[in-house]
Structures are given as C-alpha cells and as structure tokens.
Amino acid sequence: MNDQERRFSMAQWDVFSSKPLEGNSLAVFFDGRGLSDADMQAIAKEMNLSETTFILPRDAALERERGVRVRIFTVQEELPFAGHPTLGTAFALRGETGAEKIVLELKVGKVPVHFEGRAGEPVFGEMTQVDPTFGTVHDREAVACATGLKPEDFDDSLPIQTVSTGVAFTVAPLKSLAIIQNLQINLAGAAEYLAKSAGKFFYFVTRETVDPQARLHARMLFYNGEDPATGSAAGCTAAWMVAHGVAQPDERVLIEQGVEMNRPSRIFVRASRSDNRVVNVRVGGNSVEIMRGELFL
C-alpha cells in the first residue's frame, strides 16, 4: 500500500433476515465522497451483490432537513430506489445509536425508516415507500408468451399488474408453489416485453407458501441471476395485495423469498387505503451486519 491510495470503509449486511448468511447481502460504503459515477459502478461490479450503496455525508443541518444522501447501484446500473439497500443502509447508519428513525434522501426523494424492538429481540426496521402508482393490467397469454410460461401457470383469480413505488415491477401471480419452485423464464423475452410496458422486472408470487405464516411466496429473476429479497417489489406487491383483496388495509403480512436459493428472506409489508386509494406503503424486516473492511483505490 502507498500514500497515494484512497481507503473507503465499508460493511456488508444481510437484509430481511436476523440470521447471518440468509436474506439479501448488501455492501454499504460509509463515505463515497471523492468517488465518480464510474468508480461507484465499478465498485458495485467488484462487490458482485444485488446492490451496493454509497453514503454521501454532508452538513448535519442539511441532513436533518433532507435526510442522508445515498446512491444505489446494481452490477449494471444505478437505481433511483431499491428496498433492501434502503433498509440495510438505514441499519448501518443507525449502528449502535438506538435511533428510532433514519431518513435517507434517494433519487426518488426522502424515505424514512422507523425502528422498533423489545429487549432481547432483533431490531425491526420499516421503511415508508413512495405512494404507489398502478399501471398496466397485462394479458395473461401475452405474458406467458414473453416469459416462456404457460397461460394456465398463472392464477386467473388475480391480475398481472405493473405497480411502482419508485421502481415499476410487474406483479405476476402464479397458480401454485410447485410452479414457482420450478420457475424458469426467458429473461430476454421478459425484458423485451417489459421495455414496451414501462415495467422494470417481473415479480412472481403465489398464495401457496412454505411457511404457513406467510401470505405470499415470491421470486425475482433478473440479469444478475436471482434476487434473495426485493424490498422495492415487495412494496409494489403490498399495494397490489390491498388493491385486490389479498391483504386488508394496514394488515402486516409476510412475503417469503429466496427459499430456492437457500437464502431465505422474511419481508413484512402493509399498506393503507384512503379515499379509495392505496397509500402509506411500508416494508420492513431485520438486518444483520456480517463483515467490515476497507477498499483501496
């Protein structure tokens, strides 16, 4: 190592789990000042996780007013919002302070994360996402054709619909646990279809679950493989559930994800209704720190 090298402190967290080596891994860089956009993208590729976040500290008064500025990168691109990076970064910022709330400023705006927990139990964090926008209701046969699935694989009692709480996901309900456990899709066909319909990714769900306490079992396949937990998609799905009667307004329900990857994740969601609109989408769970280190550039 030489005097010209720059050091960047980081930690790795497993998000949407209270147990190490489960949930969705996240690299958090505590001070990304001095890194270019290209640097951040290259570091995210080096980390090779679903996402990597960079905290950009600034004046304390500004942080109190607007929140702590954070940028989120996948291995391929910057995202305006993502769920498990938001929750995990809030846990990293909270540290041992015991703070009841951390506010992040993301590209979608301010996202507050509230913390709760009783003595002797893992701390639970819950983010409030941007109010949902409901988009296209999709034709089942068109989605089946694009993804390589069969029309009869889908649950015809619920709509395939695009919803956004910062990033647009197309919630696609499947008929059974067996279908989703054996899920294989044409990623190129899915991406081409979604590009024409303003969706970012498909989020496949089914009402048959492994854990009887869960309301939905979910999987998210994308260009970096499979995501063990997708908090942004879970927020869209919380809104979709309330809109279509899968969950009651303000009922906190569990979505299980990552089971097929041996990275089980527990994502707790709820949403409210106001004047026939779905609002106040909240997504929560636990997070555990598993590693600390430094990056040298």
C-alpha atoms as a PDB file:
ATOM      1  CA  MET A   1       0.000   0.000   0.000  1.00  0.00           C
ATOM      2  CA  ASN A   2       1.264   3.509  -0.731  1.00  0.00           C
ATOM      3  CA  ASP A   3       0.457   7.039   0.378  1.00  0.00           C
ATOM      4  CA  GLN A   4      -1.495   7.775  -2.794  1.00  0.00           C
ATOM      5  CA  GLU A   5      -4.058   5.044  -2.208  1.00  0.00           C
ATOM      6  CA  ARG A   6      -7.520   6.067  -1.082  1.00  0.00           C
ATOM      7  CA  ARG A   7      -9.315   3.974   1.527  1.00  0.00           C
ATOM      8  CA  PHE A   8     -13.077   3.567   1.694  1.00  0.00           C
ATOM      9  CA  SER A   9     -14.608   1.905   4.749  1.00  0.00           C
ATOM     10  CA  MET A  10     -17.476  -0.477   4.136  1.00  0.00           C
ATOM     11  CA  ALA A  11     -19.617  -3.090   5.830  1.00  0.00           C
ATOM     12  CA  GLN A  12     -21.669  -5.966   4.497  1.00  0.00           C
ATOM     13  CA  TRP A  13     -25.169  -6.654   5.799  1.00  0.00           C
ATOM     14  CA  ASP A  14     -27.635  -9.479   5.318  1.00  0.00           C
ATOM     15  CA  VAL A  15     -31.010  -7.780   4.916  1.00  0.00           C
ATOM     16  CA  PHE A  16     -34.509  -9.156   5.572  1.00  0.00           C
ATOM     17  CA  SER A  17     -33.078 -11.728   7.967  1.00  0.00           C
ATOM     18  CA  SER A  18     -31.987 -11.770  11.598  1.00  0.00           C
ATOM     19  CA  LYS A  19     -29.563 -14.635  10.868  1.00  0.00           C
ATOM     20  CA  PRO A  20     -26.148 -14.299   9.192  1.00  0.00           C
ATOM     21  CA  LEU A  21     -25.802 -15.860   5.729  1.00  0.00           C
ATOM     22  CA  GLU A  22     -29.513 -15.561   4.984  1.00  0.00           C
ATOM     23  CA  GLY A  23     -31.520 -12.761   3.382  1.00  0.00           C
ATOM     24  CA  ASN A  24     -30.059 -10.452   0.732  1.00  0.00           C
ATOM     25  CA  SER A  25     -26.455  -9.271   1.001  1.00  0.00           C
ATOM     26  CA  LEU A  26     -25.649  -5.573   0.745  1.00  0.00           C
ATOM     27  CA  ALA A  27     -22.343  -3.692   0.667  1.00  0.00           C
ATOM     28  CA  VAL A  28     -22.539  -0.258   2.317  1.00  0.00           C
ATOM     29  CA  PHE A  29     -19.758   2.307   1.795  1.00  0.00           C
ATOM     30  CA  PHE A  30     -19.846   4.819   4.640  1.00  0.00           C
ATOM     31  CA  ASP A  31     -18.322   7.768   2.764  1.00  0.00           C
ATOM     32  CA  GLY A  32     -18.490   7.804  -1.025  1.00  0.00           C
ATOM     33  CA  ARG A  33     -17.254  11.378  -1.405  1.00  0.00           C
ATOM     34  CA  GLY A  34     -14.486  11.566  -3.985  1.00  0.00           C
ATOM     35  CA  LEU A  35     -15.819   8.637  -5.999  1.00  0.00           C
ATOM     36  CA  SER A  36     -17.006   9.313  -9.541  1.00  0.00           C
ATOM     37  CA  ASP A  37     -20.120   7.718 -11.019  1.00  0.00           C
ATOM     38  CA  ALA A  38     -17.840   5.345 -12.930  1.00  0.00           C
ATOM     39  CA  ASP A  39     -15.981   4.476  -9.708  1.00  0.00           C
ATOM     40  CA  MET A  40     -19.237   3.636  -7.919  1.00  0.00           C
ATOM     41  CA  GLN A  41     -20.421   1.479 -10.801  1.00  0.00           C
ATOM     42  CA  ALA A  42     -17.082  -0.361 -10.973  1.00  0.00           C
ATOM     43  CA  ILE A  43     -17.078  -0.941  -7.196  1.00  0.00           C
ATOM     44  CA  ALA A  44     -20.627  -2.335  -7.347  1.00  0.00           C
ATOM     45  CA  LYS A  45     -19.467  -4.719 -10.052  1.00  0.00           C
ATOM     46  CA  GLU A  46     -16.482  -5.671  -7.869  1.00  0.00           C
ATOM     47  CA  MET A  47     -18.794  -6.399  -4.931  1.00  0.00           C
ATOM     48  CA  ASN A  48     -20.961  -8.517  -7.273  1.00  0.00           C
ATOM     49  CA  LEU A  49     -24.012  -8.326  -4.983  1.00  0.00           C
ATOM     50  CA  SER A  50     -27.573  -7.447  -5.937  1.00  0.00           C
ATOM     51  CA  GLU A  51     -26.837  -3.872  -4.839  1.00  0.00           C
ATOM     52  CA  THR A  52     -24.147  -1.708  -3.296  1.00  0.00           C
ATOM     53  CA  THR A  53     -24.841   1.648  -1.621  1.00  0.00           C
ATOM     54  CA  PHE A  54     -22.725   4.751  -1.153  1.00  0.00           C
ATOM     55  CA  ILE A  55     -23.454   7.163   1.697  1.00  0.00           C
ATOM     56  CA  LEU A  56     -22.557  10.762   0.837  1.00  0.00           C
ATOM     57  CA  PRO A  57     -22.216  12.676   4.139  1.00  0.00           C
ATOM     58  CA  ARG A  58     -22.971  16.400   4.171  1.00  0.00           C
ATOM     59  CA  ASP A  59     -23.719  19.221   6.586  1.00  0.00           C
ATOM     60  CA  ALA A  60     -25.633  17.993   9.656  1.00  0.00           C
ATOM     61  CA  ALA A  61     -28.305  20.684   9.333  1.00  0.00           C
ATOM     62  CA  LEU A  62     -28.926  19.715   5.715  1.00  0.00           C
ATOM     63  CA  GLU A  63     -29.133  16.046   6.675  1.00  0.00           C
ATOM     64  CA  ARG A  64     -31.700  16.861   9.349  1.00  0.00           C
ATOM     65  CA  GLU A  65     -33.760  18.737   6.781  1.00  0.00           C
ATOM     66  CA  ARG A  66     -33.429  16.467   3.764  1.00  0.00           C
ATOM     67  CA  GLY A  67     -32.064  13.155   5.005  1.00  0.00           C
ATOM     68  CA  VAL A  68     -28.769  11.324   4.466  1.00  0.00           C
ATOM     69  CA  ARG A  69     -27.887  11.215   0.786  1.00  0.00           C
ATOM     70  CA  VAL A  70     -27.442   7.666  -0.539  1.00  0.00           C
ATOM     71  CA  ARG A  71     -26.872   6.274  -4.037  1.00  0.00           C
ATOM     72  CA  ILE A  72     -27.747   2.702  -5.025  1.00  0.00           C
ATOM     73  CA  PHE A  73     -26.022   0.634  -7.724  1.00  0.00           C
ATOM     74  CA  THR A  74     -26.545  -2.861  -9.114  1.00  0.00           C
ATOM     75  CA  VAL A  75     -23.698  -4.552 -11.003  1.00  0.00           C
ATOM     76  CA  GLN A  76     -25.041  -2.903 -14.150  1.00  0.00           C
ATOM     77  CA  GLU A  77     -26.754   0.405 -13.336  1.00  0.00           C
ATOM     78  CA  GLU A  78     -27.758   2.995 -10.761  1.00  0.00           C
ATOM     79  CA  LEU A  79     -31.276   2.671  -9.354  1.00  0.00           C
ATOM     80  CA  PRO A  80     -33.457   5.539  -8.119  1.00  0.00           C
ATOM     81  CA  PHE A  81     -34.777   3.291  -5.355  1.00  0.00           C
ATOM     82  CA  ALA A  82     -34.439  -0.258  -4.070  1.00  0.00           C
ATOM     83  CA  GLY A  83     -35.817  -1.839  -0.925  1.00  0.00           C
ATOM     84  CA  HIS A  84     -33.159  -3.980   0.697  1.00  0.00           C
ATOM     85  CA  PRO A  85     -30.412  -1.353   0.109  1.00  0.00           C
ATOM     86  CA  THR A  86     -32.608   1.300   1.745  1.00  0.00           C
ATOM     87  CA  LEU A  87     -33.338  -0.845   4.785  1.00  0.00           C
ATOM     88  CA  GLY A  88     -29.787  -2.180   5.132  1.00  0.00           C
ATOM     89  CA  THR A  89     -28.202   1.260   4.748  1.00  0.00           C
ATOM     90  CA  ALA A  90     -30.543   2.669   7.402  1.00  0.00           C
ATOM     91  CA  PHE A  91     -29.455  -0.121   9.767  1.00  0.00           C
ATOM     92  CA  ALA A  92     -25.789   0.703   9.002  1.00  0.00           C
ATOM     93  CA  LEU A  93     -26.368   4.411   9.696  1.00  0.00           C
ATOM     94  CA  ARG A  94     -28.241   3.639  12.905  1.00  0.00           C
ATOM     95  CA  GLY A  95     -25.410   1.452  14.194  1.00  0.00           C
ATOM     96  CA  GLU A  96     -25.432   1.326  17.988  1.00  0.00           C
ATOM     97  CA  THR A  97     -27.123   4.714  18.402  1.00  0.00           C
ATOM     98  CA  GLY A  98     -30.558   3.339  19.235  1.00  0.00           C
ATOM     99  CA  ALA A  99     -32.137   5.907  16.890  1.00  0.00           C
ATOM    100  CA  GLU A 100     -35.855   5.386  16.317  1.00  0.00           C
ATOM    101  CA  LYS A 101     -35.775   6.893  12.810  1.00  0.00           C
ATOM    102  CA  ILE A 102     -33.273   7.348   9.976  1.00  0.00           C
ATOM    103  CA  VAL A 103     -34.234   9.351   6.876  1.00  0.00           C
ATOM    104  CA  LEU A 104     -32.485   8.699   3.569  1.00  0.00           C
ATOM    105  CA  GLU A 105     -32.511  11.017   0.564  1.00  0.00           C
ATOM    106  CA  LEU A 106     -32.611   8.819  -2.525  1.00  0.00           C
ATOM    107  CA  LYS A 107     -33.193   9.741  -6.151  1.00  0.00           C
ATOM    108  CA  VAL A 108     -36.938   9.206  -5.574  1.00  0.00           C
ATOM    109  CA  GLY A 109     -36.881  11.615  -2.616  1.00  0.00           C
ATOM    110  CA  LYS A 110     -36.966  11.198   1.163  1.00  0.00           C
ATOM    111  CA  VAL A 111     -37.522   7.693   2.516  1.00  0.00           C
ATOM    112  CA  PRO A 112     -37.904   7.366   6.307  1.00  0.00           C
ATOM    113  CA  VAL A 113     -37.042   4.139   8.117  1.00  0.00           C
ATOM    114  CA  HIS A 114     -38.528   3.593  11.594  1.00  0.00           C
ATOM    115  CA  PHE A 115     -37.071   1.125  14.083  1.00  0.00           C
ATOM    116  CA  GLU A 116     -38.808  -0.906  16.760  1.00  0.00           C
ATOM    117  CA  GLY A 117     -37.939  -3.822  19.000  1.00  0.00           C
ATOM    118  CA  ARG A 118     -38.139  -5.183  22.500  1.00  0.00           C
ATOM    119  CA  ALA A 119     -35.164  -6.029  24.694  1.00  0.00           C
ATOM    120  CA  GLY A 120     -33.593  -9.320  23.720  1.00  0.00           C
ATOM    121  CA  GLU A 121     -35.170  -9.347  20.249  1.00  0.00           C
ATOM    122  CA  PRO A 122     -33.597  -8.394  16.910  1.00  0.00           C
ATOM    123  CA  VAL A 123     -34.310  -4.788  15.919  1.00  0.00           C
ATOM    124  CA  PHE A 124     -37.012  -4.428  13.250  1.00  0.00           C
ATOM    125  CA  GLY A 125     -36.809  -1.646  10.668  1.00  0.00           C
ATOM    126  CA  GLU A 126     -39.663  -0.473   8.465  1.00  0.00           C
ATOM    127  CA  MET A 127     -39.352   1.922   5.513  1.00  0.00           C
ATOM    128  CA  THR A 128     -42.194   4.017   4.147  1.00  0.00           C
ATOM    129  CA  GLN A 129     -42.088   3.939   0.367  1.00  0.00           C
ATOM    130  CA  VAL A 130     -43.421   6.429  -2.157  1.00  0.00           C
ATOM    131  CA  ASP A 131     -47.196   6.123  -2.652  1.00  0.00           C
ATOM    132  CA  PRO A 132     -47.942   3.581  -5.380  1.00  0.00           C
ATOM    133  CA  THR A 133     -48.788   4.234  -8.999  1.00  0.00           C
ATOM    134  CA  PHE A 134     -50.860   1.485 -10.603  1.00  0.00           C
ATOM    135  CA  GLY A 135     -50.077   0.792 -14.248  1.00  0.00           C
ATOM    136  CA  THR A 136     -50.973  -1.713 -16.929  1.00  0.00           C
ATOM    137  CA  VAL A 137     -53.077  -4.801 -16.277  1.00  0.00           C
ATOM    138  CA  HIS A 138     -51.494  -7.359 -18.576  1.00  0.00           C
ATOM    139  CA  ASP A 139     -52.927 -10.003 -20.835  1.00  0.00           C
ATOM    140  CA  ARG A 140     -52.101 -13.417 -19.378  1.00  0.00           C
ATOM    141  CA  GLU A 141     -51.377 -15.037 -22.730  1.00  0.00           C
ATOM    142  CA  ALA A 142     -49.064 -12.211 -23.796  1.00  0.00           C
ATOM    143  CA  VAL A 143     -47.057 -12.507 -20.562  1.00  0.00           C
ATOM    144  CA  ALA A 144     -46.926 -16.306 -20.917  1.00  0.00           C
ATOM    145  CA  CYS A 145     -45.623 -15.966 -24.469  1.00  0.00           C
ATOM    146  CA  ALA A 146     -42.966 -13.412 -23.455  1.00  0.00           C
ATOM    147  CA  THR A 147     -41.712 -15.342 -20.439  1.00  0.00           C
ATOM    148  CA  GLY A 148     -41.947 -18.882 -21.823  1.00  0.00           C
ATOM    149  CA  LEU A 149     -44.567 -19.917 -19.273  1.00  0.00           C
ATOM    150  CA  LYS A 150     -47.998 -21.398 -19.966  1.00  0.00           C
ATOM    151  CA  PRO A 151     -51.164 -19.306 -19.581  1.00  0.00           C
ATOM    152  CA  GLU A 152     -52.516 -21.930 -17.193  1.00  0.00           C
ATOM    153  CA  ASP A 153     -49.476 -21.430 -14.898  1.00  0.00           C
ATOM    154  CA  PHE A 154     -50.962 -18.099 -13.767  1.00  0.00           C
ATOM    155  CA  ASP A 155     -53.559 -17.562 -11.043  1.00  0.00           C
ATOM    156  CA  ASP A 156     -56.509 -16.344 -13.094  1.00  0.00           C
ATOM    157  CA  SER A 157     -58.298 -15.010  -9.994  1.00  0.00           C
ATOM    158  CA  LEU A 158     -55.774 -12.138  -9.714  1.00  0.00           C
ATOM    159  CA  PRO A 159     -54.456  -9.632 -12.265  1.00  0.00           C
ATOM    160  CA  ILE A 160     -50.941  -9.404 -13.623  1.00  0.00           C
ATOM    161  CA  GLN A 161     -50.305  -5.716 -12.998  1.00  0.00           C
ATOM    162  CA  THR A 162     -47.464  -3.211 -13.068  1.00  0.00           C
ATOM    163  CA  VAL A 163     -47.128  -1.134  -9.879  1.00  0.00           C
ATOM    164  CA  SER A 164     -44.457   1.382  -8.868  1.00  0.00           C
ATOM    165  CA  THR A 165     -43.365   2.745  -5.501  1.00  0.00           C
ATOM    166  CA  GLY A 166     -40.211   4.209  -7.060  1.00  0.00           C
ATOM    167  CA  VAL A 167     -39.320   1.335  -9.393  1.00  0.00           C
ATOM    168  CA  ALA A 168     -42.005  -0.348 -11.522  1.00  0.00           C
ATOM    169  CA  PHE A 169     -42.478  -4.084 -11.011  1.00  0.00           C
ATOM    170  CA  THR A 170     -44.972  -6.275 -12.796  1.00  0.00           C
ATOM    171  CA  VAL A 171     -46.583  -8.482 -10.150  1.00  0.00           C
ATOM    172  CA  ALA A 172     -47.341 -11.846 -11.740  1.00  0.00           C
ATOM    173  CA  PRO A 173     -49.396 -14.280  -9.606  1.00  0.00           C
ATOM    174  CA  LEU A 174     -48.785 -17.966 -10.292  1.00  0.00           C
ATOM    175  CA  LYS A 175     -51.150 -20.795  -9.505  1.00  0.00           C
ATOM    176  CA  SER A 176     -49.081 -22.955  -7.150  1.00  0.00           C
ATOM    177  CA  LEU A 177     -45.936 -23.389  -5.094  1.00  0.00           C
ATOM    178  CA  ALA A 178     -44.803 -26.205  -7.415  1.00  0.00           C
ATOM    179  CA  ILE A 179     -44.931 -23.873 -10.436  1.00  0.00           C
ATOM    180  CA  ILE A 180     -42.955 -21.095  -8.754  1.00  0.00           C
ATOM    181  CA  GLN A 181     -40.409 -23.500  -7.250  1.00  0.00           C
ATOM    182  CA  ASN A 182     -39.632 -24.843 -10.735  1.00  0.00           C
ATOM    183  CA  LEU A 183     -39.732 -21.422 -12.350  1.00  0.00           C
ATOM    184  CA  GLN A 184     -37.615 -20.863 -15.449  1.00  0.00           C
ATOM    185  CA  ILE A 185     -38.248 -17.864 -17.657  1.00  0.00           C
ATOM    186  CA  ASN A 186     -36.959 -16.422 -20.908  1.00  0.00           C
ATOM    187  CA  LEU A 187     -35.115 -13.406 -19.464  1.00  0.00           C
ATOM    188  CA  ALA A 188     -34.514 -11.786 -22.860  1.00  0.00           C
ATOM    189  CA  GLY A 189     -38.166 -12.182 -23.829  1.00  0.00           C
ATOM    190  CA  ALA A 190     -39.310 -10.884 -20.452  1.00  0.00           C
ATOM    191  CA  ALA A 191     -37.031  -7.829 -20.673  1.00  0.00           C
ATOM    192  CA  GLU A 192     -38.186  -7.059 -24.219  1.00  0.00           C
ATOM    193  CA  TYR A 193     -41.841  -7.304 -23.180  1.00  0.00           C
ATOM    194  CA  LEU A 194     -41.357  -5.146 -20.074  1.00  0.00           C
ATOM    195  CA  ALA A 195     -39.473  -2.471 -22.026  1.00  0.00           C
ATOM    196  CA  LYS A 196     -42.687  -1.891 -24.013  1.00  0.00           C
ATOM    197  CA  SER A 197     -44.910  -1.712 -20.939  1.00  0.00           C
ATOM    198  CA  ALA A 198     -42.930   0.525 -18.522  1.00  0.00           C
ATOM    199  CA  GLY A 199     -42.081  -2.311 -16.154  1.00  0.00           C
ATOM    200  CA  LYS A 200     -38.580  -2.917 -14.786  1.00  0.00           C
ATOM    201  CA  PHE A 201     -38.796  -6.572 -13.715  1.00  0.00           C
ATOM    202  CA  PHE A 202     -41.368  -9.311 -13.138  1.00  0.00           C
ATOM    203  CA  TYR A 203     -42.066 -10.256  -9.522  1.00  0.00           C
ATOM    204  CA  PHE A 204     -43.605 -13.725  -9.429  1.00  0.00           C
ATOM    205  CA  VAL A 205     -45.786 -14.604  -6.444  1.00  0.00           C
ATOM    206  CA  THR A 206     -48.116 -17.364  -5.306  1.00  0.00           C
ATOM    207  CA  ARG A 207     -50.526 -17.686  -2.417  1.00  0.00           C
ATOM    208  CA  GLU A 208     -49.198 -21.186  -1.669  1.00  0.00           C
ATOM    209  CA  THR A 209     -46.293 -20.810   0.776  1.00  0.00           C
ATOM    210  CA  VAL A 210     -43.618 -22.855   2.550  1.00  0.00           C
ATOM    211  CA  ASP A 211     -44.168 -21.041   5.867  1.00  0.00           C
ATOM    212  CA  PRO A 212     -47.859 -21.196   6.784  1.00  0.00           C
ATOM    213  CA  GLN A 213     -47.487 -17.742   8.373  1.00  0.00           C
ATOM    214  CA  ALA A 214     -46.535 -16.193   5.011  1.00  0.00           C
ATOM    215  CA  ARG A 215     -49.177 -14.625   2.777  1.00  0.00           C
ATOM    216  CA  LEU A 216     -47.139 -14.932  -0.430  1.00  0.00           C
ATOM    217  CA  HIS A 217     -44.140 -16.853  -1.745  1.00  0.00           C
ATOM    218  CA  ALA A 218     -42.087 -14.761  -4.202  1.00  0.00           C
ATOM    219  CA  ARG A 219     -39.233 -14.992  -6.690  1.00  0.00           C
ATOM    220  CA  MET A 220     -37.468 -12.318  -8.757  1.00  0.00           C
ATOM    221  CA  LEU A 221     -35.253 -13.423 -11.655  1.00  0.00           C
ATOM    222  CA  PHE A 222     -33.212 -10.754 -13.454  1.00  0.00           C
ATOM    223  CA  TYR A 223     -29.961 -10.088 -15.347  1.00  0.00           C
ATOM    224  CA  ASN A 224     -27.821 -10.759 -12.265  1.00  0.00           C
ATOM    225  CA  GLY A 225     -29.451 -14.122 -11.593  1.00  0.00           C
ATOM    226  CA  GLU A 226     -31.989 -14.311  -8.777  1.00  0.00           C
ATOM    227  CA  ASP A 227     -32.635 -11.806  -6.007  1.00  0.00           C
ATOM    228  CA  PRO A 228     -32.983 -13.294  -2.486  1.00  0.00           C
ATOM    229  CA  ALA A 229     -35.160 -10.380  -1.316  1.00  0.00           C
ATOM    230  CA  THR A 230     -36.608  -7.497  -3.312  1.00  0.00           C
ATOM    231  CA  GLY A 231     -37.959  -4.851  -0.961  1.00  0.00           C
ATOM    232  CA  SER A 232     -38.983  -2.443  -3.734  1.00  0.00           C
ATOM    233  CA  ALA A 233     -41.007  -5.184  -5.432  1.00  0.00           C
ATOM    234  CA  ALA A 234     -42.469  -6.183  -2.072  1.00  0.00           C
ATOM    235  CA  GLY A 235     -43.733  -2.609  -1.614  1.00  0.00           C
ATOM    236  CA  CYS A 236     -45.398  -2.713  -5.027  1.00  0.00           C
ATOM    237  CA  THR A 237     -46.872  -6.074  -4.063  1.00  0.00           C
ATOM    238  CA  ALA A 238     -48.159  -4.724  -0.738  1.00  0.00           C
ATOM    239  CA  ALA A 239     -50.118  -2.104  -2.699  1.00  0.00           C
ATOM    240  CA  TRP A 240     -51.301  -4.750  -5.183  1.00  0.00           C
ATOM    241  CA  MET A 241     -52.434  -7.035  -2.329  1.00  0.00           C
ATOM    242  CA  VAL A 242     -54.534  -4.324  -0.690  1.00  0.00           C
ATOM    243  CA  ALA A 243     -55.964  -3.234  -4.045  1.00  0.00           C
ATOM    244  CA  HIS A 244     -57.058  -6.762  -4.936  1.00  0.00           C
ATOM    245  CA  GLY A 245     -58.100  -8.156  -1.555  1.00  0.00           C
ATOM    246  CA  VAL A 246     -55.121 -10.421  -0.844  1.00  0.00           C
ATOM    247  CA  ALA A 247     -54.413  -8.366   2.306  1.00  0.00           C
ATOM    248  CA  GLN A 248     -56.567  -5.989   4.308  1.00  0.00           C
ATOM    249  CA  PRO A 249     -55.641  -2.311   4.670  1.00  0.00           C
ATOM    250  CA  ASP A 250     -52.912  -1.867   7.335  1.00  0.00           C
ATOM    251  CA  GLU A 251     -52.602  -5.628   7.851  1.00  0.00           C
ATOM    252  CA  ARG A 252     -48.910  -6.506   8.239  1.00  0.00           C
ATOM    253  CA  VAL A 253     -48.258  -9.672   6.243  1.00  0.00           C
ATOM    254  CA  LEU A 254     -45.193 -11.746   5.447  1.00  0.00           C
ATOM    255  CA  ILE A 255     -43.726 -12.339   1.981  1.00  0.00           C
ATOM    256  CA  GLU A 256     -41.182 -15.164   1.842  1.00  0.00           C
ATOM    257  CA  GLN A 257     -38.460 -15.007  -0.827  1.00  0.00           C
ATOM    258  CA  GLY A 258     -35.052 -16.529  -1.500  1.00  0.00           C
ATOM    259  CA  VAL A 259     -36.098 -20.004  -0.370  1.00  0.00           C
ATOM    260  CA  GLU A 260     -34.996 -21.719  -3.589  1.00  0.00           C
ATOM    261  CA  MET A 261     -31.555 -20.067  -3.265  1.00  0.00           C
ATOM    262  CA  ASN A 262     -31.048 -21.213   0.335  1.00  0.00           C
ATOM    263  CA  ARG A 263     -31.086 -17.506   1.276  1.00  0.00           C
ATOM    264  CA  PRO A 264     -34.498 -17.355   2.972  1.00  0.00           C
ATOM    265  CA  SER A 265     -35.783 -13.812   3.430  1.00  0.00           C
ATOM    266  CA  ARG A 266     -38.688 -12.542   5.515  1.00  0.00           C
ATOM    267  CA  ILE A 267     -40.230  -9.332   4.180  1.00  0.00           C
ATOM    268  CA  PHE A 268     -43.078  -7.779   6.173  1.00  0.00           C
ATOM    269  CA  VAL A 269     -45.389  -5.442   4.272  1.00  0.00           C
ATOM    270  CA  ARG A 270     -48.513  -3.365   4.786  1.00  0.00           C
ATOM    271  CA  ALA A 271     -50.376  -0.554   3.055  1.00  0.00           C
ATOM    272  CA  SER A 272     -53.306   1.721   3.845  1.00  0.00           C
ATOM    273  CA  ARG A 273     -56.393   2.877   1.990  1.00  0.00           C
ATOM    274  CA  SER A 274     -57.530   6.492   1.839  1.00  0.00           C
ATOM    275  CA  ASP A 275     -60.420   7.756  -0.311  1.00  0.00           C
ATOM    276  CA  ASN A 276     -60.286   4.550  -2.375  1.00  0.00           C
ATOM    277  CA  ARG A 277     -56.538   4.991  -2.988  1.00  0.00           C
ATOM    278  CA  VAL A 278     -53.775   2.729  -1.712  1.00  0.00           C
ATOM    279  CA  VAL A 279     -51.251   4.822   0.252  1.00  0.00           C
ATOM    280  CA  ASN A 280     -48.647   4.570   3.028  1.00  0.00           C
ATOM    281  CA  VAL A 281     -46.794   1.506   1.745  1.00  0.00           C
ATOM    282  CA  ARG A 282     -44.453   0.123   4.375  1.00  0.00           C
ATOM    283  CA  VAL A 283     -41.850  -2.629   4.012  1.00  0.00           C
ATOM    284  CA  GLY A 284     -39.847  -3.969   6.938  1.00  0.00           C
ATOM    285  CA  GLY A 285     -37.610  -6.650   8.333  1.00  0.00           C
ATOM    286  CA  ASN A 286     -34.421  -7.352  10.220  1.00  0.00           C
ATOM    287  CA  SER A 287     -30.800  -6.884   9.144  1.00  0.00           C
ATOM    288  CA  VAL A 288     -27.552  -8.265  10.489  1.00  0.00           C
ATOM    289  CA  GLU A 289     -24.010  -6.984   9.919  1.00  0.00           C
ATOM    290  CA  ILE A 290     -21.647  -9.773   8.907  1.00  0.00           C
ATOM    291  CA  MET A 291     -18.449  -8.100   7.680  1.00  0.00           C
ATOM    292  CA  ARG A 292     -16.371  -4.904   7.786  1.00  0.00           C
ATOM    293  CA  GLY A 293     -13.477  -3.860   5.640  1.00  0.00           C
ATOM    294  CA  GLU A 294     -11.729  -1.261   3.509  1.00  0.00           C
ATOM    295  CA  LEU A 295     -11.470  -0.805  -0.221  1.00  0.00           C
ATOM    296  CA  PHE A 296      -8.175   0.555  -1.610  1.00  0.00           C
ATOM    297  CA  LEU A 297      -8.139   2.592  -4.815  1.00  0.00           C
END
